[in-house]
Amino acid sequence: MKEQTLIDQIKAYLNGIPQLFYWKEHGGIYGTAGIPDIIICFKGRFIGLEVKAKGRKATVLQQITINKINKTGGTAVVIYSLDEVKELLNKFK
């Protein structure tokens, strides 16, 4: 599955969750390098999802950013499936 297809599935799922706000971070010259693909605020929690197709890994900069988010009290992970998103959000219900 392509990363964009997975991102679209995740966004559709997130749209159905009350009390959840998210945005899709767009790269390029107006974005910040290393920021996770999807940023979520859910029940007062900051959650970053770096979405990857199976077999792909986060870049060094993405992993550094994920580590910084986790060290400062947020949650950031690399995601390979919609099921992983569901499992993660269930931890905060």
Protein backbone atom coordinates (compact mmCIF):
# COMPACT_ATOMS: atom_id res chain seq x y z
CA MET A 1 0.00 0.00 0.00
CA LYS A 2 1.25 3.48 -0.83
CA GLU A 3 1.83 5.92 2.02
CA GLN A 4 -0.74 8.34 0.60
CA THR A 5 -3.39 5.62 0.55
CA LEU A 6 -2.68 4.84 4.21
CA ILE A 7 -2.74 8.55 5.10
CA ASP A 8 -6.15 8.87 3.41
CA GLN A 9 -7.46 5.86 5.40
CA ILE A 10 -6.16 7.35 8.65
CA LYS A 11 -7.70 10.75 7.92
CA ALA A 12 -11.08 9.15 7.14
CA TYR A 13 -10.93 7.26 10.44
CA LEU A 14 -9.90 10.35 12.43
CA ASN A 15 -12.77 12.35 10.93
CA GLY A 16 -15.19 10.03 12.73
CA ILE A 17 -13.79 10.52 16.23
CA PRO A 18 -15.50 13.14 18.39
CA GLN A 19 -13.27 15.42 20.48
CA LEU A 20 -10.32 14.88 18.15
CA PHE A 21 -8.57 17.55 16.08
CA TYR A 22 -5.89 16.76 13.52
CA TRP A 23 -4.11 18.20 10.57
CA LYS A 24 -1.99 16.77 7.81
CA GLU A 25 1.44 18.38 7.81
CA HIS A 26 2.63 19.26 4.34
CA GLY A 27 6.33 19.27 3.58
CA GLY A 28 8.10 21.59 1.24
CA ILE A 29 9.43 25.08 1.71
CA TYR A 30 6.54 26.15 3.97
CA GLY A 31 6.68 23.14 6.29
CA THR A 32 9.13 22.15 9.00
CA ALA A 33 11.44 19.28 8.09
CA GLY A 34 11.07 16.20 10.27
CA ILE A 35 7.56 16.97 11.58
CA PRO A 36 5.29 13.88 11.61
CA ASP A 37 2.79 13.52 8.75
CA ILE A 38 -0.32 13.80 10.92
CA ILE A 39 -0.57 15.88 14.11
CA ILE A 40 -3.42 15.05 16.49
CA CYS A 41 -4.84 16.66 19.60
CA PHE A 42 -7.00 14.09 21.39
CA LYS A 43 -8.28 14.53 24.93
CA GLY A 44 -5.51 16.98 25.70
CA ARG A 45 -2.75 14.80 24.27
CA PHE A 46 -0.32 15.77 21.52
CA ILE A 47 0.16 12.86 19.12
CA GLY A 48 2.36 12.76 16.03
CA LEU A 49 2.03 10.04 13.40
CA GLU A 50 4.84 9.48 10.93
CA VAL A 51 3.13 7.33 8.30
CA LYS A 52 5.26 4.84 6.38
CA ALA A 53 4.59 2.11 3.85
CA LYS A 54 5.66 -1.35 4.99
CA GLY A 55 9.39 -1.81 4.72
CA ARG A 56 10.17 1.92 4.91
CA LYS A 57 11.76 3.60 7.91
CA ALA A 58 11.72 7.10 9.34
CA THR A 59 14.59 9.29 8.24
CA VAL A 60 17.22 10.32 10.78
CA LEU A 61 15.62 13.78 11.08
CA GLN A 62 12.13 12.28 11.48
CA GLN A 63 13.39 9.94 14.22
CA ILE A 64 15.12 12.83 16.02
CA THR A 65 11.84 14.78 15.96
CA ILE A 66 9.86 11.75 17.18
CA ASN A 67 12.30 11.36 20.06
CA LYS A 68 12.01 15.06 20.99
CA ILE A 69 8.21 14.86 21.03
CA ASN A 70 8.28 11.77 23.24
CA LYS A 71 10.88 13.26 25.62
CA THR A 72 8.74 16.37 26.15
CA GLY A 73 5.56 14.52 27.09
CA GLY A 74 3.87 14.10 23.73
CA THR A 75 3.44 10.86 21.85
CA ALA A 76 5.00 10.29 18.45
CA VAL A 77 5.30 7.02 16.55
CA VAL A 78 5.94 5.56 13.14
CA ILE A 79 2.71 4.04 11.83
CA TYR A 80 2.42 1.27 9.24
CA SER A 81 -1.32 0.50 9.40
CA LEU A 82 -4.70 1.86 10.35
CA ASP A 83 -4.95 -0.82 13.06
CA GLU A 84 -1.87 0.69 14.76
CA VAL A 85 -3.62 4.07 14.85
CA LYS A 86 -6.72 2.51 16.41
CA GLU A 87 -4.62 0.73 19.05
CA LEU A 88 -2.73 3.92 19.88
CA LEU A 89 -5.85 6.06 20.28
CA ASN A 90 -7.56 3.39 22.40
CA LYS A 91 -4.84 3.96 24.99
CA PHE A 92 -6.18 7.50 25.52
CA LYS A 93 -9.91 6.68 25.75
